[in-house]
Amino acid sequence: MRQYQTTTAIAGFFSILFFIQCTGTRPDNLGIRSGKLNDCPKTPNCISSFADTNDKEHYRNAEPYKKPTADALSVLKQRILETPRTKIIKEENNYLYVEFTSLLMRYVDDVEFYFDEKTKLLHFRSASRLGKSDLGVNRKRIETLLKDIQI
């Protein structure tokens, strides 16, 4: 009985350690710099409105918005908060940084939104912290969040 408890405790410890490792480290290079968000890495697990338009793997067009920036940000924020396993890390008057965590493996994706007040475009970047492929999760997330959004 004692050996079973020890084995179970060790398995539990390594399971917790495994799941903690899937979260990765929060990047320190996010945010708006020179009027844009950071570039996507070469890996296919990122989508950005700032990627080259010929880069079909990483690019998706920005969304125009008509409401005042504060109102548009509020609408987007509400939609984000309705999404499970999200955590808003940073909120400014024209910027949101959100962590999305997967259900099973607890992988974390870093997602940024930038309301460009000059062009009235909502820019974004959604990238996985770990791994190479995300099976299209980041693209699907952006498509879902922005679908039929009235901003």
C-alpha atoms as a PDB file:
ATOM      1  CA  MET A   1       0.000   0.000   0.000  1.00  0.00           C
ATOM      2  CA  ARG A   2       2.801   2.419   0.915  1.00  0.00           C
ATOM      3  CA  GLN A   3       4.617   1.698  -2.376  1.00  0.00           C
ATOM      4  CA  TYR A   4       1.403   2.451  -4.295  1.00  0.00           C
ATOM      5  CA  GLN A   5       1.039   5.802  -2.480  1.00  0.00           C
ATOM      6  CA  THR A   6       4.652   6.692  -3.196  1.00  0.00           C
ATOM      7  CA  THR A   7       4.281   5.798  -6.883  1.00  0.00           C
ATOM      8  CA  THR A   8       1.059   7.793  -7.109  1.00  0.00           C
ATOM      9  CA  ALA A   9       2.696  10.807  -5.424  1.00  0.00           C
ATOM     10  CA  ILE A  10       5.667  10.686  -7.806  1.00  0.00           C
ATOM     11  CA  ALA A  11       3.381  10.382 -10.835  1.00  0.00           C
ATOM     12  CA  GLY A  12       1.326  13.323  -9.573  1.00  0.00           C
ATOM     13  CA  PHE A  13       4.434  15.427  -9.036  1.00  0.00           C
ATOM     14  CA  PHE A  14       5.711  14.787 -12.555  1.00  0.00           C
ATOM     15  CA  SER A  15       2.265  15.448 -14.028  1.00  0.00           C
ATOM     16  CA  ILE A  16       2.158  18.840 -12.328  1.00  0.00           C
ATOM     17  CA  LEU A  17       5.709  19.574 -13.441  1.00  0.00           C
ATOM     18  CA  PHE A  18       4.800  18.605 -17.016  1.00  0.00           C
ATOM     19  CA  PHE A  19       1.783  20.904 -17.100  1.00  0.00           C
ATOM     20  CA  ILE A  20       3.720  23.794 -15.580  1.00  0.00           C
ATOM     21  CA  GLN A  21       6.356  23.429 -18.291  1.00  0.00           C
ATOM     22  CA  CYS A  22       3.689  23.735 -21.032  1.00  0.00           C
ATOM     23  CA  THR A  23       2.914  27.285 -20.013  1.00  0.00           C
ATOM     24  CA  GLY A  24       6.332  28.605 -21.005  1.00  0.00           C
ATOM     25  CA  THR A  25       7.704  31.964 -19.957  1.00  0.00           C
ATOM     26  CA  ARG A  26       5.809  35.193 -20.583  1.00  0.00           C
ATOM     27  CA  PRO A  27       7.585  37.120 -23.372  1.00  0.00           C
ATOM     28  CA  ASP A  28       9.140  40.453 -22.500  1.00  0.00           C
ATOM     29  CA  ASN A  29       9.144  41.823 -26.065  1.00  0.00           C
ATOM     30  CA  LEU A  30       5.414  42.416 -26.526  1.00  0.00           C
ATOM     31  CA  GLY A  31       3.645  45.731 -26.949  1.00  0.00           C
ATOM     32  CA  ILE A  32       3.447  48.544 -29.463  1.00  0.00           C
ATOM     33  CA  ARG A  33       6.812  49.607 -30.824  1.00  0.00           C
ATOM     34  CA  SER A  34       7.165  52.197 -33.572  1.00  0.00           C
ATOM     35  CA  GLY A  35       3.443  51.956 -34.273  1.00  0.00           C
ATOM     36  CA  LYS A  36       3.248  48.191 -34.683  1.00  0.00           C
ATOM     37  CA  LEU A  37       3.302  44.860 -32.889  1.00  0.00           C
ATOM     38  CA  ASN A  38       6.237  42.451 -32.894  1.00  0.00           C
ATOM     39  CA  ASP A  39       6.816  40.250 -35.955  1.00  0.00           C
ATOM     40  CA  CYS A  40       5.737  36.625 -35.962  1.00  0.00           C
ATOM     41  CA  PRO A  41       8.450  34.007 -35.560  1.00  0.00           C
ATOM     42  CA  LYS A  42       9.203  31.791 -38.581  1.00  0.00           C
ATOM     43  CA  THR A  43       7.137  28.966 -37.054  1.00  0.00           C
ATOM     44  CA  PRO A  44       3.555  28.523 -38.317  1.00  0.00           C
ATOM     45  CA  ASN A  45       1.968  29.034 -34.874  1.00  0.00           C
ATOM     46  CA  CYS A  46       1.434  32.783 -35.203  1.00  0.00           C
ATOM     47  CA  ILE A  47      -0.897  35.137 -37.044  1.00  0.00           C
ATOM     48  CA  SER A  48      -0.550  38.898 -37.359  1.00  0.00           C
ATOM     49  CA  SER A  49      -2.076  41.805 -39.211  1.00  0.00           C
ATOM     50  CA  PHE A  50       1.459  43.207 -39.519  1.00  0.00           C
ATOM     51  CA  ALA A  51       2.873  40.184 -41.369  1.00  0.00           C
ATOM     52  CA  ASP A  52       3.729  40.594 -45.045  1.00  0.00           C
ATOM     53  CA  THR A  53       0.543  40.353 -47.135  1.00  0.00           C
ATOM     54  CA  ASN A  54       2.211  37.662 -49.290  1.00  0.00           C
ATOM     55  CA  ASP A  55       2.865  35.512 -46.199  1.00  0.00           C
ATOM     56  CA  LYS A  56      -0.343  33.445 -46.283  1.00  0.00           C
ATOM     57  CA  GLU A  57       0.753  31.440 -43.243  1.00  0.00           C
ATOM     58  CA  HIS A  58       1.057  34.411 -40.882  1.00  0.00           C
ATOM     59  CA  TYR A  59      -0.981  37.237 -42.428  1.00  0.00           C
ATOM     60  CA  ARG A  60      -4.578  38.216 -41.873  1.00  0.00           C
ATOM     61  CA  ASN A  61      -5.910  41.678 -42.579  1.00  0.00           C
ATOM     62  CA  ALA A  62      -6.638  44.114 -39.774  1.00  0.00           C
ATOM     63  CA  GLU A  63     -10.251  44.989 -38.986  1.00  0.00           C
ATOM     64  CA  PRO A  64     -11.587  48.498 -39.476  1.00  0.00           C
ATOM     65  CA  TYR A  65     -13.483  50.026 -36.586  1.00  0.00           C
ATOM     66  CA  LYS A  66     -15.906  52.934 -36.493  1.00  0.00           C
ATOM     67  CA  LYS A  67     -16.667  53.457 -32.820  1.00  0.00           C
ATOM     68  CA  PRO A  68     -14.513  55.614 -30.590  1.00  0.00           C
ATOM     69  CA  THR A  69     -11.459  53.614 -29.540  1.00  0.00           C
ATOM     70  CA  ALA A  70     -12.584  53.236 -25.911  1.00  0.00           C
ATOM     71  CA  ASP A  71     -15.949  51.843 -27.023  1.00  0.00           C
ATOM     72  CA  ALA A  72     -14.420  49.502 -29.599  1.00  0.00           C
ATOM     73  CA  LEU A  73     -11.923  48.252 -27.010  1.00  0.00           C
ATOM     74  CA  SER A  74     -14.769  47.635 -24.580  1.00  0.00           C
ATOM     75  CA  VAL A  75     -16.678  45.521 -27.136  1.00  0.00           C
ATOM     76  CA  LEU A  76     -13.586  43.436 -27.894  1.00  0.00           C
ATOM     77  CA  LYS A  77     -12.739  43.068 -24.214  1.00  0.00           C
ATOM     78  CA  GLN A  78     -16.245  41.777 -23.472  1.00  0.00           C
ATOM     79  CA  ARG A  79     -15.931  39.179 -26.234  1.00  0.00           C
ATOM     80  CA  ILE A  80     -12.542  38.104 -24.861  1.00  0.00           C
ATOM     81  CA  LEU A  81     -13.891  37.778 -21.318  1.00  0.00           C
ATOM     82  CA  GLU A  82     -16.653  35.501 -22.629  1.00  0.00           C
ATOM     83  CA  THR A  83     -13.971  33.117 -23.908  1.00  0.00           C
ATOM     84  CA  PRO A  84     -12.903  30.378 -21.468  1.00  0.00           C
ATOM     85  CA  ARG A  85      -9.395  30.285 -19.987  1.00  0.00           C
ATOM     86  CA  THR A  86      -8.448  33.876 -20.776  1.00  0.00           C
ATOM     87  CA  LYS A  87      -6.557  36.339 -18.671  1.00  0.00           C
ATOM     88  CA  ILE A  88      -6.076  39.996 -19.535  1.00  0.00           C
ATOM     89  CA  ILE A  89      -2.487  40.820 -18.633  1.00  0.00           C
ATOM     90  CA  LYS A  90      -2.246  44.423 -19.796  1.00  0.00           C
ATOM     91  CA  GLU A  91      -4.840  46.977 -20.827  1.00  0.00           C
ATOM     92  CA  GLU A  92      -4.144  50.470 -22.094  1.00  0.00           C
ATOM     93  CA  ASN A  93      -6.302  53.006 -23.928  1.00  0.00           C
ATOM     94  CA  ASN A  94      -5.576  51.413 -27.343  1.00  0.00           C
ATOM     95  CA  TYR A  95      -3.929  48.073 -26.464  1.00  0.00           C
ATOM     96  CA  LEU A  96      -4.858  44.714 -24.925  1.00  0.00           C
ATOM     97  CA  TYR A  97      -2.539  41.839 -24.083  1.00  0.00           C
ATOM     98  CA  VAL A  98      -4.311  38.582 -23.273  1.00  0.00           C
ATOM     99  CA  GLU A  99      -3.168  35.069 -22.403  1.00  0.00           C
ATOM    100  CA  PHE A 100      -5.266  32.188 -23.720  1.00  0.00           C
ATOM    101  CA  THR A 101      -4.654  28.777 -22.121  1.00  0.00           C
ATOM    102  CA  SER A 102      -5.565  25.490 -23.793  1.00  0.00           C
ATOM    103  CA  LEU A 103      -7.834  23.114 -21.932  1.00  0.00           C
ATOM    104  CA  LEU A 104      -5.834  19.899 -21.841  1.00  0.00           C
ATOM    105  CA  MET A 105      -2.131  20.614 -22.148  1.00  0.00           C
ATOM    106  CA  ARG A 106      -2.346  24.127 -20.632  1.00  0.00           C
ATOM    107  CA  TYR A 107      -0.354  25.670 -23.494  1.00  0.00           C
ATOM    108  CA  VAL A 108      -0.399  29.469 -23.375  1.00  0.00           C
ATOM    109  CA  ASP A 109      -0.819  31.721 -26.395  1.00  0.00           C
ATOM    110  CA  ASP A 110       0.016  35.411 -26.208  1.00  0.00           C
ATOM    111  CA  VAL A 111      -2.509  37.599 -28.022  1.00  0.00           C
ATOM    112  CA  GLU A 112      -2.240  41.342 -28.545  1.00  0.00           C
ATOM    113  CA  PHE A 113      -4.697  43.850 -29.965  1.00  0.00           C
ATOM    114  CA  TYR A 114      -3.733  47.352 -31.045  1.00  0.00           C
ATOM    115  CA  PHE A 115      -6.307  49.968 -32.005  1.00  0.00           C
ATOM    116  CA  ASP A 116      -4.503  52.256 -34.442  1.00  0.00           C
ATOM    117  CA  GLU A 117      -6.350  55.528 -33.981  1.00  0.00           C
ATOM    118  CA  LYS A 118      -4.794  57.137 -37.076  1.00  0.00           C
ATOM    119  CA  THR A 119      -5.967  54.472 -39.533  1.00  0.00           C
ATOM    120  CA  LYS A 120      -8.990  53.264 -37.490  1.00  0.00           C
ATOM    121  CA  LEU A 121      -7.733  49.673 -37.860  1.00  0.00           C
ATOM    122  CA  LEU A 122      -7.683  46.982 -35.191  1.00  0.00           C
ATOM    123  CA  HIS A 123      -4.353  45.181 -35.484  1.00  0.00           C
ATOM    124  CA  PHE A 124      -3.510  41.945 -33.708  1.00  0.00           C
ATOM    125  CA  ARG A 125      -0.852  39.317 -33.125  1.00  0.00           C
ATOM    126  CA  SER A 126      -1.605  35.854 -31.749  1.00  0.00           C
ATOM    127  CA  ALA A 127       1.303  33.468 -31.127  1.00  0.00           C
ATOM    128  CA  SER A 128       1.982  30.229 -29.289  1.00  0.00           C
ATOM    129  CA  ARG A 129       4.713  30.407 -26.669  1.00  0.00           C
ATOM    130  CA  LEU A 130       5.927  26.871 -27.230  1.00  0.00           C
ATOM    131  CA  GLY A 131       6.180  24.404 -30.068  1.00  0.00           C
ATOM    132  CA  LYS A 132       6.081  24.768 -33.791  1.00  0.00           C
ATOM    133  CA  SER A 133       2.600  23.965 -35.048  1.00  0.00           C
ATOM    134  CA  ASP A 134      -0.657  24.969 -33.411  1.00  0.00           C
ATOM    135  CA  LEU A 135      -2.932  23.235 -35.952  1.00  0.00           C
ATOM    136  CA  GLY A 136      -4.394  26.623 -36.853  1.00  0.00           C
ATOM    137  CA  VAL A 137      -5.566  27.486 -33.327  1.00  0.00           C
ATOM    138  CA  ASN A 138      -4.252  31.071 -33.357  1.00  0.00           C
ATOM    139  CA  ARG A 139      -5.837  31.865 -36.732  1.00  0.00           C
ATOM    140  CA  LYS A 140      -9.141  30.286 -35.701  1.00  0.00           C
ATOM    141  CA  ARG A 141      -9.132  32.259 -32.423  1.00  0.00           C
ATOM    142  CA  ILE A 142      -8.690  35.584 -34.220  1.00  0.00           C
ATOM    143  CA  GLU A 143     -11.346  34.658 -36.795  1.00  0.00           C
ATOM    144  CA  THR A 144     -13.783  33.725 -34.012  1.00  0.00           C
ATOM    145  CA  LEU A 145     -13.121  36.817 -31.892  1.00  0.00           C
ATOM    146  CA  LEU A 146     -13.475  39.201 -34.814  1.00  0.00           C
ATOM    147  CA  LYS A 147     -16.358  37.475 -36.622  1.00  0.00           C
ATOM    148  CA  ASP A 148     -19.341  39.796 -36.922  1.00  0.00           C
ATOM    149  CA  ILE A 149     -17.895  42.105 -34.271  1.00  0.00           C
ATOM    150  CA  GLN A 150     -19.453  45.541 -34.411  1.00  0.00           C
ATOM    151  CA  ILE A 151     -16.681  47.903 -33.440  1.00  0.00           C
END
